[in-house]
Amino acid sequence: MVSRVIPVESFDLVIFGGTGDLARRKILPALFRRFCAGQMEDGARIIGAARSEHTTAEYRRFVAEAIAEFNAGRSCETGTLDAFLDSISFVQIDAMGDTGWSELAGLMQPDRVRAFYFSVGPSLFGPLAERLHQHGMADSDTRIVVEKPFGRDLDSARALNVTLAQHFDESQIYRIDHYLGKETVQNLMAVRFGNMLFEPLWNSQYVDHIQITVAETVGVGGRGEYYDKSGAMRDMVQNHLMQLLCLIAMEPPAKFDPDAVRDEKLKVIRALDAVRAEDIVRGQYLAEAEKPGYLEHVDDQTSRTESFIALKLGISNWRWAGTPFYLRTGKRLRARTSEIAVVFKETPHSIFEDDGGRHRNILTIRLQPNEGMDLGVTIKEPGPGGMRLIDVPLDMTFADALGPDGEDVPDAYERLIMDVVRGNQTLFMRGDEVEAAWAWTDPLIAAWEARGDRPQAYESGSSGPEDALMLMHRDGRRWREIRP
């Protein structure tokens, strides 16, 4: 199967924080892969901007090393790297001062899309936006990309929105959540709204419950200082898991249009119920062999920040009233996996007298690893001797179903950066959506802080705290096993 690649118009992309970890691991390799795919027209330029001193030649070597490290196993024609590096420039710049801004402005070309990627801390969003205007680099074709964390509570998110709105229209601001760029996440919308099979069943009448799991095997590592101020709730639930929840639960938009899609997502967030204290489980991973535990990683034995959280929540609308959603995410768990499981109700009556089992249809959307979907169906076990029923998956692993192209599924950043250039905001968060998510999250955090709750310890390499298992067991349900 040959994928159709549509080139985008020529553009100037400036990466503030161009020597940082995100640029090295994700942004620059993603741009190179799009260049290899023929999606970047001649004349497109990438400009790294950072406080560090580099010549353009030195920065090109940095880019080449990043591509060699993080583009392993990806094919590209001989000589393509040199052509890509020819499009790279570098400017030393001071976000809080005047150094480098005149030089950067001098590199901008008229009559083309300009995109500025703020791969920096939120405290620099305002100064960068202000200086882009001061130096005449912001016009109607200018777009800015901002990374999470977009605030750490409702007040700070509102303040950031106000700051950016002083310099750019909402249509120019791209709040990126890389989960929305994953091929499987977009296929979730295709499966829901492109197939008559599922949409009539996508409601509380037929769905028993929905599970969303994002598990990591790594600890907080060198991010201890940052992470201990955020925790799993702020770092993962408020953004990544919230976005997955919205795509699962939202009503069909009138059309696949940025504001139509985001309007429906916003309705889901505003319909979320408050979560009871007994429906929240928080945890911290323990040390394992020579690996430090969470408290050692953050160097604070009194820390009450969670590295794991599980929640049971409800949505008060006609489609989902009475259907529980179970969310969990954590570090140092048994396997690295992200999946959504839509668990349908059992048949109301079994006509097979010899069948004593419980059979459910489960649609599983695997975000990582092995991106794909499978639908569990009940069939007769082959062989004589009666009507014995077994559950089997109808599997669509992208690498298998899509042939050679499925083995090279584009990275989320590849799609999202190209969408910025195209001016397509469908897969980006809107300001009111971010604020609504914080408005739901803040009271939960405030409540457990007021109670002085301590996270429960859990073994590294496990599925999390025991109480997280009980969160579902008391409802007569079970978490799906965390496995690669």
Protein backbone atom coordinates (compact mmCIF):
# COMPACT_ATOMS: atom_id res chain seq x y z
CA MET A 1 0.00 0.00 0.00
CA VAL A 2 1.50 3.35 -1.07
CA SER A 3 0.56 6.35 1.06
CA ARG A 4 -0.25 9.64 -0.65
CA VAL A 5 2.04 12.48 0.43
CA ILE A 6 0.81 16.00 -0.23
CA PRO A 7 3.60 18.62 -0.16
CA VAL A 8 2.98 21.70 1.95
CA GLU A 9 3.77 25.21 0.81
CA SER A 10 7.18 26.67 1.55
CA PHE A 11 7.58 27.95 5.08
CA ASP A 12 9.98 29.31 7.65
CA LEU A 13 9.97 27.31 10.90
CA VAL A 14 11.84 28.77 13.87
CA ILE A 15 12.47 26.43 16.80
CA PHE A 16 13.02 28.39 20.01
CA GLY A 17 14.91 26.00 22.26
CA GLY A 18 16.45 24.54 19.11
CA THR A 19 19.27 22.82 21.05
CA GLY A 20 16.98 21.36 23.70
CA ASP A 21 16.02 17.77 24.34
CA LEU A 22 12.61 17.97 22.63
CA ALA A 23 14.11 19.46 19.48
CA ARG A 24 16.84 16.82 19.42
CA ARG A 25 14.63 13.79 20.11
CA LYS A 26 11.40 14.70 18.34
CA ILE A 27 11.12 17.90 16.33
CA LEU A 28 14.24 17.72 14.15
CA PRO A 29 13.98 13.97 13.34
CA ALA A 30 10.28 14.46 12.52
CA LEU A 31 11.09 17.27 10.09
CA PHE A 32 13.77 15.16 8.45
CA ARG A 33 11.34 12.28 7.92
CA ARG A 34 8.84 14.62 6.28
CA PHE A 35 11.67 15.94 4.10
CA CYS A 36 12.52 12.36 3.10
CA ALA A 37 8.87 11.75 2.25
CA GLY A 38 8.90 14.67 -0.16
CA GLN A 39 6.49 16.75 1.89
CA MET A 40 8.70 19.82 2.28
CA GLU A 41 8.95 21.88 -0.89
CA ASP A 42 12.18 23.49 -2.03
CA GLY A 43 12.74 26.71 -0.15
CA ALA A 44 11.35 25.53 3.19
CA ARG A 45 13.72 26.61 5.96
CA ILE A 46 14.30 25.57 9.55
CA ILE A 47 15.97 27.98 11.94
CA GLY A 48 17.22 26.89 15.33
CA ALA A 49 17.24 29.60 17.99
CA ALA A 50 18.76 29.28 21.45
CA ARG A 51 20.92 31.10 24.00
CA SER A 52 23.92 28.86 23.37
CA GLU A 53 26.67 29.96 20.99
CA HIS A 54 26.71 28.01 17.73
CA THR A 55 27.56 28.76 14.16
CA THR A 56 25.18 27.42 11.54
CA ALA A 57 27.78 24.78 10.62
CA GLU A 58 27.99 23.64 14.26
CA TYR A 59 24.22 23.52 14.55
CA ARG A 60 23.96 21.45 11.39
CA ARG A 61 26.32 18.92 12.96
CA PHE A 62 24.07 18.89 16.03
CA VAL A 63 21.05 18.22 13.79
CA ALA A 64 22.88 15.45 11.90
CA GLU A 65 23.81 13.74 15.17
CA ALA A 66 20.20 13.98 16.42
CA ILE A 67 18.91 12.41 13.22
CA ALA A 68 21.50 9.63 13.37
CA GLU A 69 20.48 8.82 16.95
CA PHE A 70 16.71 9.12 16.72
CA ASN A 71 16.05 8.19 13.11
CA ALA A 72 17.58 4.71 13.34
CA GLY A 73 16.01 2.17 11.04
CA ARG A 74 14.16 4.77 8.92
CA SER A 75 14.97 4.65 5.24
CA CYS A 76 15.91 7.72 3.22
CA GLU A 77 17.67 8.23 -0.11
CA THR A 78 21.42 8.74 -0.11
CA GLY A 79 22.30 12.42 -0.08
CA THR A 80 18.97 13.49 1.36
CA LEU A 81 20.52 14.39 4.71
CA ASP A 82 22.89 16.88 3.06
CA ALA A 83 19.98 18.48 1.22
CA PHE A 84 18.01 18.70 4.46
CA LEU A 85 20.93 20.25 6.32
CA ASP A 86 21.20 22.92 3.62
CA SER A 87 17.80 24.19 4.81
CA ILE A 88 19.04 24.61 8.41
CA SER A 89 20.25 27.88 9.98
CA PHE A 90 20.98 28.98 13.54
CA VAL A 91 20.61 32.22 15.47
CA GLN A 92 21.82 32.85 18.99
CA ILE A 93 18.96 34.60 20.75
CA ASP A 94 18.01 35.90 24.19
CA ALA A 95 14.30 35.48 24.85
CA MET A 96 14.41 38.08 27.64
CA GLY A 97 16.71 40.56 25.93
CA ASP A 98 17.60 42.02 22.54
CA THR A 99 20.38 39.67 21.43
CA GLY A 100 19.74 37.98 18.09
CA TRP A 101 16.30 39.38 17.29
CA SER A 102 17.44 41.66 14.47
CA GLU A 103 19.41 38.78 12.94
CA LEU A 104 16.37 36.50 13.14
CA ALA A 105 14.11 39.13 11.58
CA GLY A 106 16.61 39.51 8.74
CA LEU A 107 16.26 35.80 7.91
CA MET A 108 12.48 35.96 7.53
CA GLN A 109 11.21 35.86 3.96
CA PRO A 110 8.06 37.74 2.91
CA ASP A 111 4.84 36.17 1.63
CA ARG A 112 5.22 32.75 3.22
CA VAL A 113 3.96 30.92 6.27
CA ARG A 114 5.96 31.59 9.41
CA ALA A 115 5.77 29.12 12.27
CA PHE A 116 7.47 29.64 15.63
CA TYR A 117 7.80 26.56 17.83
CA PHE A 118 8.07 27.53 21.52
CA SER A 119 10.04 24.49 22.71
CA VAL A 120 10.79 26.32 25.95
CA GLY A 121 9.31 26.73 29.43
CA PRO A 122 5.93 28.51 29.76
CA SER A 123 7.59 31.48 31.49
CA LEU A 124 9.12 32.42 28.12
CA PHE A 125 5.91 32.24 26.06
CA GLY A 126 4.99 35.86 26.78
CA PRO A 127 8.42 37.41 26.18
CA LEU A 128 8.83 35.48 22.92
CA ALA A 129 5.39 36.50 21.66
CA GLU A 130 6.05 40.14 22.57
CA ARG A 131 9.43 40.28 20.81
CA LEU A 132 8.10 38.65 17.65
CA HIS A 133 5.73 41.59 17.36
CA GLN A 134 8.31 44.19 18.33
CA HIS A 135 10.62 43.02 15.56
CA GLY A 136 7.94 42.76 12.88
CA MET A 137 7.89 38.99 12.51
CA ALA A 138 4.22 38.46 13.34
CA ASP A 139 1.53 38.85 10.69
CA SER A 140 -1.69 37.10 9.69
CA ASP A 141 0.25 34.10 8.32
CA THR A 142 2.22 33.61 11.54
CA ARG A 143 1.57 30.56 13.74
CA ILE A 144 2.99 29.76 17.15
CA VAL A 145 3.26 26.28 18.66
CA VAL A 146 3.28 25.92 22.45
CA GLU A 147 4.12 22.73 24.35
CA LYS A 148 2.69 21.49 27.62
CA PRO A 149 2.59 22.17 30.47
CA PHE A 150 0.10 24.88 29.56
CA GLY A 151 -0.24 26.16 33.10
CA ARG A 152 -0.30 24.13 36.32
CA ASP A 153 -3.81 25.19 37.37
CA LEU A 154 -6.76 27.20 36.07
CA ASP A 155 -5.38 30.60 37.09
CA SER A 156 -1.99 30.09 35.42
CA ALA A 157 -3.62 28.65 32.26
CA ARG A 158 -5.89 31.69 32.05
CA ALA A 159 -2.92 33.99 32.51
CA LEU A 160 -1.03 32.26 29.68
CA ASN A 161 -4.07 32.48 27.41
CA VAL A 162 -4.41 36.19 28.16
CA THR A 163 -0.69 36.76 27.48
CA LEU A 164 -0.77 34.99 24.13
CA ALA A 165 -4.06 36.66 23.16
CA GLN A 166 -2.40 40.06 23.54
CA HIS A 167 -0.20 39.23 20.56
CA PHE A 168 -1.93 36.49 18.53
CA ASP A 169 -5.45 35.48 17.55
CA GLU A 170 -6.72 32.12 18.76
CA SER A 171 -6.56 30.89 15.15
CA GLN A 172 -2.77 31.41 15.24
CA ILE A 173 -2.09 29.52 18.50
CA TYR A 174 -1.37 25.77 18.30
CA ARG A 175 -1.34 24.12 21.74
CA ILE A 176 0.24 20.78 20.97
CA ASP A 177 -0.55 17.44 22.59
CA HIS A 178 1.43 14.79 20.74
CA TYR A 179 -1.07 12.06 21.68
CA LEU A 180 -3.54 13.61 19.25
CA GLY A 181 -1.04 13.15 16.42
CA LYS A 182 -0.78 9.40 16.91
CA GLU A 183 -2.12 7.45 13.95
CA THR A 184 -4.23 5.20 16.17
CA VAL A 185 -5.88 8.13 17.93
CA GLN A 186 -6.98 9.55 14.59
CA ASN A 187 -8.14 6.10 13.53
CA LEU A 188 -10.36 6.11 16.60
CA MET A 189 -12.34 8.92 14.98
CA ALA A 190 -12.36 7.07 11.65
CA VAL A 191 -13.66 3.89 13.30
CA ARG A 192 -16.35 5.77 15.23
CA PHE A 193 -17.61 8.09 12.54
CA GLY A 194 -16.70 6.22 9.36
CA ASN A 195 -18.38 2.89 10.16
CA MET A 196 -22.06 2.28 10.71
CA LEU A 197 -21.12 -0.78 12.78
CA PHE A 198 -20.06 1.10 15.92
CA GLU A 199 -21.80 4.45 16.27
CA PRO A 200 -25.30 3.03 17.04
CA LEU A 201 -23.73 0.98 19.87
CA TRP A 202 -21.51 3.77 21.21
CA ASN A 203 -23.58 4.67 24.27
CA SER A 204 -24.59 3.60 27.76
CA GLN A 205 -27.21 1.17 26.47
CA TYR A 206 -24.56 -1.13 25.00
CA VAL A 207 -21.23 -0.13 26.60
CA ASP A 208 -20.57 -1.51 30.07
CA HIS A 209 -17.50 0.61 30.78
CA ILE A 210 -14.41 2.14 29.19
CA GLN A 211 -10.80 1.82 30.36
CA ILE A 212 -7.96 4.18 29.40
CA THR A 213 -4.46 3.10 30.43
CA VAL A 214 -1.14 4.86 29.89
CA ALA A 215 1.62 2.87 31.61
CA GLU A 216 5.35 3.56 31.60
CA THR A 217 8.24 1.37 32.73
CA VAL A 218 10.58 4.30 33.45
CA GLY A 219 10.68 6.36 36.62
CA VAL A 220 10.88 10.13 36.79
CA GLY A 221 14.66 9.96 36.41
CA GLY A 222 16.28 13.36 35.95
CA ARG A 223 12.89 15.08 35.81
CA GLY A 224 12.39 14.67 39.56
CA GLU A 225 12.37 18.37 40.44
CA TYR A 226 9.81 19.20 37.72
CA TYR A 227 7.71 16.11 38.21
CA ASP A 228 7.38 16.53 41.98
CA LYS A 229 5.67 19.87 41.36
CA SER A 230 3.24 18.30 38.90
CA GLY A 231 2.55 14.63 39.52
CA ALA A 232 0.64 12.20 37.35
CA MET A 233 -2.58 14.21 37.55
CA ARG A 234 -1.13 17.40 36.12
CA ASP A 235 1.47 15.73 33.90
CA MET A 236 -0.78 13.13 32.24
CA VAL A 237 -4.47 13.14 33.20
CA GLN A 238 -5.25 16.81 32.66
CA ASN A 239 -3.96 16.70 29.09
CA HIS A 240 -3.15 13.33 27.45
CA LEU A 241 -5.80 11.16 29.10
CA MET A 242 -8.34 13.97 28.97
CA GLN A 243 -7.89 14.24 25.21
CA LEU A 244 -8.33 10.49 24.75
CA LEU A 245 -11.45 10.59 26.93
CA CYS A 246 -12.91 13.40 24.82
CA LEU A 247 -12.38 11.58 21.54
CA ILE A 248 -14.00 8.43 22.95
CA ALA A 249 -16.98 10.21 24.50
CA MET A 250 -17.75 13.17 22.25
CA GLU A 251 -20.81 13.48 20.02
CA PRO A 252 -20.32 13.27 16.24
CA PRO A 253 -19.29 16.72 14.99
CA ALA A 254 -21.24 18.16 12.07
CA LYS A 255 -18.06 17.97 9.99
CA PHE A 256 -14.37 17.22 10.41
CA ASP A 257 -13.55 20.84 11.04
CA PRO A 258 -11.24 22.26 13.76
CA ASP A 259 -13.87 24.18 15.70
CA ALA A 260 -16.61 21.58 15.17
CA VAL A 261 -14.40 18.84 16.64
CA ARG A 262 -13.17 20.99 19.50
CA ASP A 263 -16.68 22.19 20.34
CA GLU A 264 -17.72 18.58 20.93
CA LYS A 265 -14.63 17.84 23.03
CA LEU A 266 -15.37 20.87 25.18
CA LYS A 267 -18.91 19.63 25.83
CA VAL A 268 -17.49 16.36 27.21
CA ILE A 269 -15.16 18.14 29.63
CA ARG A 270 -17.97 20.36 30.88
CA ALA A 271 -20.18 17.29 31.44
CA LEU A 272 -17.63 15.48 33.62
CA ASP A 273 -18.86 14.70 37.13
CA ALA A 274 -16.85 15.61 40.20
CA VAL A 275 -14.89 12.55 41.35
CA ARG A 276 -15.47 11.21 44.85
CA ALA A 277 -12.46 10.73 47.15
CA GLU A 278 -13.04 6.95 47.24
CA ASP A 279 -12.85 6.84 43.43
CA ILE A 280 -9.27 8.16 43.30
CA VAL A 281 -6.16 6.05 44.01
CA ARG A 282 -2.73 7.65 44.06
CA GLY A 283 0.63 5.90 44.41
CA GLN A 284 4.42 6.19 44.47
CA TYR A 285 6.75 3.49 43.18
CA LEU A 286 9.24 1.82 45.51
CA ALA A 287 12.91 1.13 44.89
CA GLU A 288 13.78 -1.99 42.93
CA ALA A 289 17.21 -3.65 43.08
CA GLU A 290 19.62 -0.83 42.22
CA LYS A 291 16.88 1.46 40.88
CA PRO A 292 15.84 4.26 43.24
CA GLY A 293 12.23 4.68 44.33
CA TYR A 294 10.17 7.79 43.71
CA LEU A 295 11.13 9.47 47.00
CA GLU A 296 14.83 8.95 46.21
CA HIS A 297 14.37 10.29 42.68
CA VAL A 298 12.83 13.53 43.94
CA ASP A 299 15.16 13.66 46.97
CA ASP A 300 12.28 14.33 49.38
CA GLN A 301 11.14 11.63 51.80
CA THR A 302 8.05 13.69 52.71
CA SER A 303 6.77 14.16 49.14
CA ARG A 304 3.06 13.55 48.62
CA THR A 305 3.18 13.80 44.85
CA GLU A 306 1.79 10.82 42.93
CA SER A 307 3.67 8.87 40.27
CA PHE A 308 0.50 6.78 39.69
CA ILE A 309 -3.16 7.68 39.63
CA ALA A 310 -6.35 5.76 38.88
CA LEU A 311 -9.80 7.33 38.75
CA LYS A 312 -13.38 6.31 38.18
CA LEU A 313 -15.43 9.07 36.66
CA GLY A 314 -18.78 9.66 35.00
CA ILE A 315 -20.16 11.90 32.26
CA SER A 316 -23.56 13.47 32.86
CA ASN A 317 -25.14 13.52 29.43
CA TRP A 318 -27.69 11.42 27.56
CA ARG A 319 -25.12 9.28 25.77
CA TRP A 320 -23.02 8.21 28.77
CA ALA A 321 -25.10 8.59 31.94
CA GLY A 322 -24.45 5.52 34.09
CA THR A 323 -21.40 4.30 32.16
CA PRO A 324 -18.18 4.47 34.23
CA PHE A 325 -14.87 5.52 32.71
CA TYR A 326 -11.76 4.16 34.42
CA LEU A 327 -8.49 6.03 33.85
CA ARG A 328 -5.04 5.07 35.10
CA THR A 329 -1.50 6.16 34.40
CA GLY A 330 1.76 5.63 36.20
CA LYS A 331 5.50 5.22 36.09
CA ARG A 332 7.67 2.18 36.78
CA LEU A 333 4.83 -0.20 35.89
CA ARG A 334 5.01 -3.71 34.42
CA ALA A 335 5.14 -2.69 30.76
CA ARG A 336 5.09 0.34 28.52
CA THR A 337 1.66 0.42 26.99
CA SER A 338 -1.11 2.85 26.12
CA GLU A 339 -4.54 1.59 25.19
CA ILE A 340 -8.25 2.34 25.24
CA ALA A 341 -10.65 -0.55 25.86
CA VAL A 342 -14.34 -0.16 25.08
CA VAL A 343 -16.00 -3.02 26.95
CA PHE A 344 -19.49 -3.81 25.66
CA LYS A 345 -22.20 -5.37 27.79
CA GLU A 346 -22.88 -9.08 27.85
CA THR A 347 -25.65 -10.52 25.73
CA PRO A 348 -28.94 -10.33 27.66
CA HIS A 349 -29.56 -14.07 27.31
CA SER A 350 -27.44 -17.04 26.27
CA ILE A 351 -29.13 -19.69 24.13
CA PHE A 352 -26.21 -22.10 24.60
CA GLU A 353 -26.92 -24.32 27.61
CA ASP A 354 -23.41 -25.78 27.82
CA ASP A 355 -21.75 -22.38 27.82
CA GLY A 356 -20.98 -21.31 31.38
CA GLY A 357 -18.59 -18.52 30.48
CA ARG A 358 -19.07 -14.78 30.38
CA HIS A 359 -18.46 -13.31 26.94
CA ARG A 360 -18.04 -9.67 26.07
CA ASN A 361 -17.09 -7.83 22.92
CA ILE A 362 -14.12 -5.57 23.65
CA LEU A 363 -12.77 -3.02 21.18
CA THR A 364 -9.14 -2.32 22.07
CA ILE A 365 -7.28 0.63 20.57
CA ARG A 366 -3.52 0.24 21.07
CA LEU A 367 -1.64 3.54 21.00
CA GLN A 368 1.76 2.07 21.85
CA PRO A 369 3.56 -0.19 21.28
CA ASN A 370 2.36 -2.15 18.20
CA GLU A 371 -0.17 0.47 17.14
CA GLY A 372 -3.45 -1.01 16.02
CA MET A 373 -6.88 -2.19 17.07
CA ASP A 374 -8.58 -5.47 17.80
CA LEU A 375 -12.18 -6.43 18.41
CA GLY A 376 -12.90 -9.40 20.65
CA VAL A 377 -15.70 -11.58 19.32
CA THR A 378 -17.23 -14.85 20.52
CA ILE A 379 -17.10 -17.88 18.21
CA LYS A 380 -17.57 -21.64 18.43
CA GLU A 381 -14.44 -23.54 19.42
CA PRO A 382 -13.48 -25.79 16.47
CA GLY A 383 -14.13 -29.49 16.84
CA PRO A 384 -16.93 -31.90 17.75
CA GLY A 385 -18.54 -32.29 21.14
CA GLY A 386 -21.08 -29.53 21.53
CA MET A 387 -21.32 -25.76 21.25
CA ARG A 388 -18.28 -24.57 23.21
CA LEU A 389 -17.72 -20.84 22.86
CA ILE A 390 -14.40 -19.02 22.98
CA ASP A 391 -13.35 -15.37 22.61
CA VAL A 392 -10.92 -14.47 19.83
CA PRO A 393 -9.62 -11.13 18.55
CA LEU A 394 -10.15 -9.71 15.09
CA ASP A 395 -6.73 -8.04 14.93
CA MET A 396 -5.60 -5.06 12.90
CA THR A 397 -2.00 -4.33 13.75
CA PHE A 398 -0.93 -1.50 11.46
CA ALA A 399 2.38 -3.11 10.53
CA ASP A 400 0.53 -6.26 9.41
CA ALA A 401 -2.64 -4.78 7.93
CA LEU A 402 -1.07 -1.97 5.93
CA GLY A 403 1.91 -3.86 4.52
CA PRO A 404 5.34 -2.21 4.19
CA ASP A 405 3.97 1.29 4.80
CA GLY A 406 2.46 0.15 8.09
CA GLU A 407 5.95 -0.59 9.37
CA ASP A 408 6.82 3.08 9.05
CA VAL A 409 3.82 4.79 10.60
CA PRO A 410 4.56 8.53 10.84
CA ASP A 411 5.49 9.86 14.25
CA ALA A 412 2.93 12.13 15.93
CA TYR A 413 5.18 15.17 15.61
CA GLU A 414 5.48 14.64 11.86
CA ARG A 415 1.77 15.05 11.33
CA LEU A 416 1.29 17.84 13.87
CA ILE A 417 4.09 20.05 12.56
CA MET A 418 2.80 19.69 9.01
CA ASP A 419 -0.71 20.55 10.25
CA VAL A 420 0.71 23.76 11.72
CA VAL A 421 2.12 24.71 8.32
CA ARG A 422 -1.20 23.86 6.65
CA GLY A 423 -3.10 25.91 9.20
CA ASN A 424 -5.19 22.96 10.41
CA GLN A 425 -5.99 23.20 14.15
CA THR A 426 -8.19 20.09 14.40
CA LEU A 427 -5.63 18.12 16.42
CA PHE A 428 -4.65 21.02 18.69
CA MET A 429 -6.26 22.25 21.91
CA ARG A 430 -8.24 25.46 22.03
CA GLY A 431 -7.86 27.92 24.90
CA ASP A 432 -11.31 27.35 26.41
CA GLU A 433 -10.75 23.59 26.22
CA VAL A 434 -7.55 23.88 28.28
CA GLU A 435 -9.26 26.07 30.85
CA ALA A 436 -12.23 23.70 31.15
CA ALA A 437 -9.87 20.78 31.79
CA TRP A 438 -8.13 22.68 34.59
CA ALA A 439 -11.50 23.77 36.05
CA TRP A 440 -12.35 20.06 36.46
CA THR A 441 -8.87 19.04 37.66
CA ASP A 442 -8.18 21.75 40.25
CA PRO A 443 -10.89 20.78 42.80
CA LEU A 444 -9.69 17.15 42.80
CA ILE A 445 -6.13 18.19 43.58
CA ALA A 446 -7.26 20.75 46.18
CA ALA A 447 -9.40 18.13 47.92
CA TRP A 448 -6.65 15.55 48.44
CA GLU A 449 -4.18 18.26 49.45
CA ALA A 450 -6.66 19.53 52.05
CA ARG A 451 -7.14 16.00 53.39
CA GLY A 452 -3.39 15.46 53.55
CA ASP A 453 -3.66 12.18 51.64
CA ARG A 454 -0.42 10.28 51.11
CA PRO A 455 0.04 8.22 47.94
CA GLN A 456 0.22 4.47 48.46
CA ALA A 457 3.50 2.68 47.85
CA TYR A 458 3.57 0.14 45.02
CA GLU A 459 6.18 -2.29 43.77
CA SER A 460 8.17 -1.31 40.70
CA GLY A 461 7.23 -3.56 37.80
CA SER A 462 3.69 -4.10 39.13
CA SER A 463 0.29 -2.86 37.95
CA GLY A 464 0.19 -0.16 40.62
CA PRO A 465 -1.27 0.02 44.14
CA GLU A 466 -3.61 -2.73 45.33
CA ASP A 467 -6.37 -0.19 45.91
CA ALA A 468 -6.35 0.56 42.18
CA LEU A 469 -7.37 -3.05 41.58
CA MET A 470 -10.11 -2.73 44.20
CA LEU A 471 -11.40 0.39 42.44
CA MET A 472 -12.77 -1.95 39.78
CA HIS A 473 -13.19 -5.15 41.79
CA ARG A 474 -15.83 -3.55 44.00
CA ASP A 475 -17.84 -2.86 40.82
CA GLY A 476 -17.46 -6.47 39.68
CA ARG A 477 -14.99 -5.48 36.96
CA ARG A 478 -11.28 -6.01 36.30
CA TRP A 479 -8.55 -3.90 34.80
CA ARG A 480 -7.11 -5.28 31.62
CA GLU A 481 -3.66 -6.74 32.16
CA ILE A 482 -0.77 -4.34 31.56
CA ARG A 483 1.40 -6.04 28.98
CA PRO A 484 3.52 -5.01 26.00
